[in-house]
Amino acid sequence: MIADLPPVGPAALCMGVFDGVHRGHRAMLDATVQAAREIGGGSVALVFDPPPDEVIRPGTKVLRLAPLHVTLRRVQEAGIDATVTILFDDALRALSAEEFLAGLAPAVELRRLVMSPESAFGRDRGGTPQRMREHGQATGFEVLEVQPVVDGGAVISSTRLRVAVAAGDLATVKTLGHPAYLEGTVVDGDHRGRELGYPTANLRFEYTPAMPPRGIYTGHVAVPQRGVGPSHPALVSIGVRPTFHDEGQLLVEVHLLDFDGDLYGATLALELQDRLRDEQRFADVPALVEQMHVDEAQARDRLGIG
């Protein structure tokens, strides 16, 4: 058996990385749920981790729209009965599409395989919809093709969302799926923000996030371990603090508006809402603080708080 699959029985199945779980992914997941209902079976989503490109091209790092556990949660929220993480490695890559599907038994009795027209899986990407349709006729399953979802004249894809994030186009990111998302552990910093009157939670990431350009943003945060959220308003700085001539490691610093508490060691989830301005270098600290007051006023206005 390919993985530690739960006993599903007759099933409709889809597979992919599903990074971000955007509207295109939802179309495939919804079709899988509907197909499972039609056959009176279960719906299964196989989520590959790490992304295949990182294995096929060693040294590649795929920027993530969300950490894996968030992707899995969103897939489950789409109504999928069984969401299973599949380790993508050289051994898995060596399997033919037919061998891969055979390895899902006995837990999964495949009845419907949901694919997009351009998708392919297995050794040398041999598992095309046409080949799987022929294989299914011999082994007892049907192939259901789900057409790509188009918005603004272009197909919705994780790559398109990463490009939008990198451009700071947060409106497009939200329209195509979910708000731009970052999640990290709050770590101790140099307390410079507190000295300026704006204490910040500095984030360390356990994954490689798709990062928007340097600048000042509004957002909503959740810190369940500290009872914060799920949508606490925040002012966010992404940059290298040029006024202090740091200009080294990129920092994500989150100032929770109207909050005073200890967040160190907790996991902070951040949804970015609006981009207020570019990162700037100021002549001195008083000029920076003056601009921070302006940023806070704009953030409160954008977020609808006093």
Protein backbone atom coordinates (compact mmCIF):
# COMPACT_ATOMS: atom_id res chain seq x y z
CA MET A 1 0.00 0.00 0.00
CA ILE A 2 1.31 3.48 -0.93
CA ALA A 3 0.58 5.13 2.41
CA ASP A 4 -1.18 4.55 5.69
CA LEU A 5 -4.57 5.10 4.10
CA PRO A 6 -7.77 4.87 6.11
CA PRO A 7 -10.17 2.15 4.94
CA VAL A 8 -12.42 4.07 2.57
CA GLY A 9 -13.85 1.38 0.32
CA PRO A 10 -15.39 2.53 -2.98
CA ALA A 11 -14.04 6.01 -3.63
CA ALA A 12 -13.66 9.03 -5.84
CA LEU A 13 -10.11 10.33 -5.71
CA CYS A 14 -8.11 13.41 -6.68
CA MET A 15 -4.46 14.22 -6.08
CA GLY A 16 -2.05 17.14 -6.15
CA VAL A 17 -0.08 19.60 -4.02
CA PHE A 18 -3.11 21.88 -3.53
CA ASP A 19 -0.91 24.72 -2.25
CA GLY A 20 -3.17 27.50 -1.01
CA VAL A 21 -6.37 25.63 -1.99
CA HIS A 22 -7.48 28.30 -4.46
CA ARG A 23 -10.68 28.35 -6.51
CA GLY A 24 -9.19 26.05 -9.13
CA HIS A 25 -8.42 23.47 -6.45
CA ARG A 26 -11.90 23.88 -5.01
CA ALA A 27 -13.44 23.00 -8.37
CA MET A 28 -11.53 19.71 -8.35
CA LEU A 29 -12.30 19.00 -4.71
CA ASP A 30 -15.99 19.80 -5.17
CA ALA A 31 -16.13 17.50 -8.20
CA THR A 32 -14.53 14.72 -6.13
CA VAL A 33 -17.06 15.14 -3.32
CA GLN A 34 -19.93 15.10 -5.84
CA ALA A 35 -18.54 12.02 -7.62
CA ALA A 36 -18.28 10.19 -4.29
CA ARG A 37 -21.91 10.94 -3.55
CA GLU A 38 -22.96 9.65 -6.95
CA ILE A 39 -21.28 6.30 -6.36
CA GLY A 40 -22.28 6.10 -2.70
CA GLY A 41 -18.64 6.01 -1.63
CA GLY A 42 -16.02 8.18 0.02
CA SER A 43 -14.05 11.15 -1.29
CA VAL A 44 -10.25 11.03 -1.07
CA ALA A 45 -7.63 13.72 -1.69
CA LEU A 46 -3.96 12.73 -1.86
CA VAL A 47 -1.71 15.69 -1.02
CA PHE A 48 1.91 15.37 -2.15
CA ASP A 49 4.63 16.71 0.14
CA PRO A 50 7.21 17.97 -0.57
CA PRO A 51 6.14 19.53 -3.87
CA PRO A 52 7.36 17.27 -6.72
CA ASP A 53 9.53 20.04 -8.22
CA GLU A 54 11.74 19.95 -5.12
CA VAL A 55 12.48 16.25 -5.73
CA ILE A 56 12.67 16.32 -9.52
CA ARG A 57 14.99 19.35 -9.49
CA PRO A 58 17.17 19.08 -6.37
CA GLY A 59 17.97 22.45 -4.83
CA THR A 60 14.64 23.92 -5.88
CA LYS A 61 12.59 25.54 -3.13
CA VAL A 62 8.91 26.02 -3.93
CA LEU A 63 7.51 29.08 -2.19
CA ARG A 64 4.43 28.05 -0.25
CA LEU A 65 1.16 29.96 -0.17
CA ALA A 66 0.41 28.18 3.11
CA PRO A 67 2.10 25.61 5.35
CA LEU A 68 1.10 22.01 4.82
CA HIS A 69 -1.23 21.74 7.83
CA VAL A 70 -3.24 24.73 6.60
CA THR A 71 -3.55 23.17 3.14
CA LEU A 72 -4.77 19.93 4.70
CA ARG A 73 -7.32 21.80 6.81
CA ARG A 74 -8.67 23.69 3.81
CA VAL A 75 -8.97 20.47 1.81
CA GLN A 76 -10.94 18.90 4.65
CA GLU A 77 -13.14 21.99 4.89
CA ALA A 78 -14.07 21.42 1.24
CA GLY A 79 -15.90 18.28 2.38
CA ILE A 80 -13.31 15.63 1.54
CA ASP A 81 -13.78 12.49 3.65
CA ALA A 82 -10.14 11.38 3.71
CA THR A 83 -7.22 13.78 3.24
CA VAL A 84 -3.92 11.89 3.09
CA THR A 85 -0.39 13.28 2.89
CA ILE A 86 1.76 11.32 0.43
CA LEU A 87 5.55 11.57 0.74
CA PHE A 88 6.87 12.45 -2.69
CA ASP A 89 10.33 10.96 -3.05
CA ASP A 90 12.42 9.15 -5.65
CA ALA A 91 10.79 5.83 -4.80
CA LEU A 92 7.32 7.19 -5.42
CA ARG A 93 8.50 8.99 -8.54
CA ALA A 94 9.75 5.69 -9.96
CA LEU A 95 6.28 4.10 -9.88
CA SER A 96 4.20 4.03 -13.02
CA ALA A 97 0.75 5.58 -12.77
CA GLU A 98 -0.76 2.09 -12.83
CA GLU A 99 1.52 0.89 -10.04
CA PHE A 100 0.70 3.95 -7.98
CA LEU A 101 -3.05 3.40 -8.24
CA ALA A 102 -2.66 -0.31 -7.51
CA GLY A 103 -0.78 0.63 -4.34
CA LEU A 104 -3.86 2.39 -2.97
CA ALA A 105 -5.62 -0.96 -2.50
CA PRO A 106 -7.08 -2.44 -0.44
CA ALA A 107 -7.95 0.70 1.52
CA VAL A 108 -9.21 2.55 -1.55
CA GLU A 109 -11.39 0.87 -4.16
CA LEU A 110 -11.05 3.38 -6.95
CA ARG A 111 -14.28 4.10 -8.83
CA ARG A 112 -13.76 7.69 -10.03
CA LEU A 113 -10.42 9.41 -10.71
CA VAL A 114 -10.76 13.20 -10.89
CA MET A 115 -8.15 14.96 -13.05
CA SER A 116 -7.63 18.17 -14.97
CA PRO A 117 -7.05 17.90 -18.74
CA GLU A 118 -3.36 18.85 -18.44
CA SER A 119 -2.55 16.79 -15.35
CA ALA A 120 -0.33 13.71 -15.40
CA PHE A 121 1.27 11.59 -12.70
CA GLY A 122 3.53 8.59 -12.28
CA ARG A 123 6.85 7.71 -13.91
CA ASP A 124 7.65 10.03 -16.83
CA ARG A 125 4.24 11.67 -16.22
CA GLY A 126 2.67 8.75 -18.00
CA GLY A 127 -0.64 8.94 -16.14
CA THR A 128 -2.47 11.27 -18.51
CA PRO A 129 -6.28 11.44 -18.53
CA GLN A 130 -6.43 9.47 -21.78
CA ARG A 131 -4.12 6.71 -20.54
CA MET A 132 -5.97 6.53 -17.23
CA ARG A 133 -9.28 6.34 -19.07
CA GLU A 134 -8.01 3.28 -20.93
CA HIS A 135 -6.60 1.78 -17.74
CA GLY A 136 -9.86 2.46 -15.92
CA GLN A 137 -11.90 0.63 -18.54
CA ALA A 138 -9.79 -2.45 -17.82
CA THR A 139 -9.75 -2.15 -14.03
CA GLY A 140 -13.11 -0.67 -13.10
CA PHE A 141 -12.91 3.08 -12.66
CA GLU A 142 -13.93 6.16 -14.63
CA VAL A 143 -11.94 9.32 -15.25
CA LEU A 144 -13.69 12.62 -14.61
CA GLU A 145 -12.01 15.67 -16.16
CA VAL A 146 -12.49 19.03 -14.44
CA GLN A 147 -11.79 22.04 -16.61
CA PRO A 148 -9.45 24.74 -15.26
CA VAL A 149 -11.12 27.71 -13.60
CA VAL A 150 -10.50 30.97 -15.45
CA ASP A 151 -10.60 34.44 -13.91
CA GLY A 152 -9.71 37.62 -15.75
CA GLY A 153 -8.87 35.67 -18.89
CA ALA A 154 -6.23 33.49 -17.21
CA VAL A 155 -6.27 30.11 -15.50
CA ILE A 156 -6.19 30.18 -11.70
CA SER A 157 -3.08 28.35 -10.49
CA SER A 158 -0.77 28.35 -7.51
CA THR A 159 1.94 29.83 -9.73
CA ARG A 160 -0.36 32.73 -10.65
CA LEU A 161 -1.07 33.37 -6.97
CA ARG A 162 2.65 33.35 -6.12
CA VAL A 163 3.25 35.95 -8.81
CA ALA A 164 0.43 38.09 -7.37
CA VAL A 165 1.85 37.78 -3.84
CA ALA A 166 5.33 38.76 -5.06
CA ALA A 167 3.82 41.82 -6.75
CA GLY A 168 1.91 42.83 -3.61
CA ASP A 169 -1.39 42.40 -5.45
CA LEU A 170 -3.31 41.28 -2.38
CA ALA A 171 -6.73 41.93 -3.95
CA THR A 172 -6.06 39.41 -6.72
CA VAL A 173 -4.71 36.87 -4.25
CA LYS A 174 -7.90 37.08 -2.20
CA THR A 175 -10.15 36.99 -5.27
CA LEU A 176 -8.51 33.84 -6.59
CA GLY A 177 -8.54 31.98 -3.29
CA HIS A 178 -7.70 33.13 0.23
CA PRO A 179 -6.02 36.25 1.62
CA ALA A 180 -2.23 36.18 1.44
CA TYR A 181 -1.17 34.07 4.40
CA LEU A 182 1.91 33.85 6.61
CA GLU A 183 2.39 31.73 9.71
CA GLY A 184 5.35 31.72 12.05
CA THR A 185 6.62 31.34 15.58
CA VAL A 186 6.97 34.55 17.61
CA VAL A 187 10.63 34.92 18.54
CA ASP A 188 12.55 37.39 20.65
CA GLY A 189 13.85 40.41 18.71
CA ASP A 190 15.87 43.46 19.65
CA HIS A 191 12.81 45.20 21.19
CA ARG A 192 13.34 48.23 18.94
CA GLY A 193 9.63 48.40 18.13
CA ARG A 194 8.70 48.60 21.80
CA GLU A 195 11.21 51.43 22.29
CA LEU A 196 9.42 53.33 19.49
CA GLY A 197 6.00 52.74 21.01
CA TYR A 198 5.06 49.95 18.60
CA PRO A 199 5.94 46.55 20.11
CA THR A 200 6.04 43.86 17.44
CA ALA A 201 5.86 40.10 17.20
CA ASN A 202 8.80 38.95 15.09
CA LEU A 203 8.12 35.79 13.08
CA ARG A 204 10.33 32.79 12.34
CA PHE A 205 9.06 30.47 9.60
CA GLU A 206 9.28 26.69 9.55
CA TYR A 207 8.45 26.61 5.84
CA THR A 208 9.45 28.74 2.84
CA PRO A 209 6.60 31.23 2.45
CA ALA A 210 5.60 33.17 -0.64
CA MET A 211 6.47 36.66 0.54
CA PRO A 212 5.00 39.97 -0.61
CA PRO A 213 7.36 42.87 -1.39
CA ARG A 214 8.90 44.98 1.34
CA GLY A 215 6.45 47.45 2.78
CA ILE A 216 3.80 48.22 5.38
CA TYR A 217 0.56 46.23 5.43
CA THR A 218 -2.66 45.79 7.35
CA GLY A 219 -3.80 42.36 8.40
CA HIS A 220 -5.66 40.13 10.80
CA VAL A 221 -3.93 37.71 13.13
CA ALA A 222 -4.80 34.72 15.24
CA VAL A 223 -2.70 33.38 18.11
CA PRO A 224 -4.86 30.55 19.52
CA GLN A 225 -2.27 29.62 22.14
CA ARG A 226 -2.71 33.06 23.69
CA GLY A 227 -6.43 33.45 23.09
CA VAL A 228 -5.94 36.08 20.39
CA GLY A 229 -8.11 36.25 17.31
CA PRO A 230 -9.29 34.73 15.09
CA SER A 231 -9.22 38.16 13.39
CA HIS A 232 -7.29 40.58 15.59
CA PRO A 233 -6.35 43.74 13.64
CA ALA A 234 -2.67 44.33 13.01
CA LEU A 235 -0.12 46.60 11.36
CA VAL A 236 2.62 44.63 9.60
CA SER A 237 6.12 45.55 8.47
CA ILE A 238 7.95 43.36 5.97
CA GLY A 239 11.48 44.57 5.32
CA VAL A 240 15.01 45.19 6.52
CA ARG A 241 14.60 48.39 8.62
CA PRO A 242 16.71 50.71 6.42
CA THR A 243 16.39 53.66 8.81
CA PHE A 244 18.56 51.72 11.26
CA HIS A 245 20.92 50.60 8.47
CA ASP A 246 20.24 46.94 9.30
CA GLU A 247 19.45 45.90 5.72
CA GLY A 248 20.24 42.28 6.35
CA GLN A 249 17.75 39.51 6.96
CA LEU A 250 14.18 40.13 5.84
CA LEU A 251 11.96 40.59 8.89
CA VAL A 252 8.23 40.16 9.31
CA GLU A 253 7.16 42.26 12.31
CA VAL A 254 3.53 42.32 13.44
CA HIS A 255 2.12 45.04 15.70
CA LEU A 256 -1.21 43.93 17.18
CA LEU A 257 -3.40 47.00 17.57
CA ASP A 258 -4.90 47.50 21.02
CA PHE A 259 -3.05 44.52 22.48
CA ASP A 260 -0.53 44.19 25.25
CA GLY A 261 0.57 40.69 26.09
CA ASP A 262 3.28 38.03 25.83
CA LEU A 263 3.29 36.14 22.52
CA TYR A 264 6.81 34.66 22.64
CA GLY A 265 6.95 31.04 21.53
CA ALA A 266 3.39 31.02 20.19
CA THR A 267 2.34 30.39 16.60
CA LEU A 268 0.93 33.48 14.89
CA ALA A 269 -1.26 33.17 11.78
CA LEU A 270 -1.45 36.29 9.64
CA GLU A 271 -3.81 37.19 6.80
CA LEU A 272 -2.64 40.27 4.92
CA GLN A 273 -5.38 42.66 3.83
CA ASP A 274 -3.97 45.86 2.28
CA ARG A 275 -0.62 47.29 1.29
CA LEU A 276 -0.24 50.79 2.73
CA ARG A 277 3.14 51.84 1.35
CA ASP A 278 6.66 50.82 0.36
CA GLU A 279 9.39 50.44 2.94
CA GLN A 280 11.24 53.74 3.33
CA ARG A 281 14.44 55.04 4.85
CA PHE A 282 13.85 58.07 7.08
CA ALA A 283 16.31 60.78 8.00
CA ASP A 284 16.03 60.06 11.70
CA VAL A 285 14.02 58.13 14.29
CA PRO A 286 11.52 60.95 15.03
CA ALA A 287 10.59 61.07 11.32
CA LEU A 288 10.09 57.31 11.34
CA VAL A 289 7.86 57.46 14.44
CA GLU A 290 5.81 60.24 12.86
CA GLN A 291 5.20 58.07 9.81
CA MET A 292 4.32 55.10 12.03
CA HIS A 293 1.56 57.19 13.59
CA VAL A 294 0.26 57.92 10.08
CA ASP A 295 0.46 54.21 9.21
CA GLU A 296 -1.51 53.30 12.32
CA ALA A 297 -4.24 55.83 11.52
CA GLN A 298 -4.51 54.48 7.96
CA ALA A 299 -4.54 50.91 9.24
CA ARG A 300 -7.37 51.64 11.66
CA ASP A 301 -9.33 53.29 8.87
CA ARG A 302 -8.79 50.37 6.47
CA LEU A 303 -9.63 47.81 9.13
CA GLY A 304 -12.66 49.69 10.37
CA ILE A 305 -11.57 50.20 13.97
CA GLY A 306 -11.33 53.34 16.12
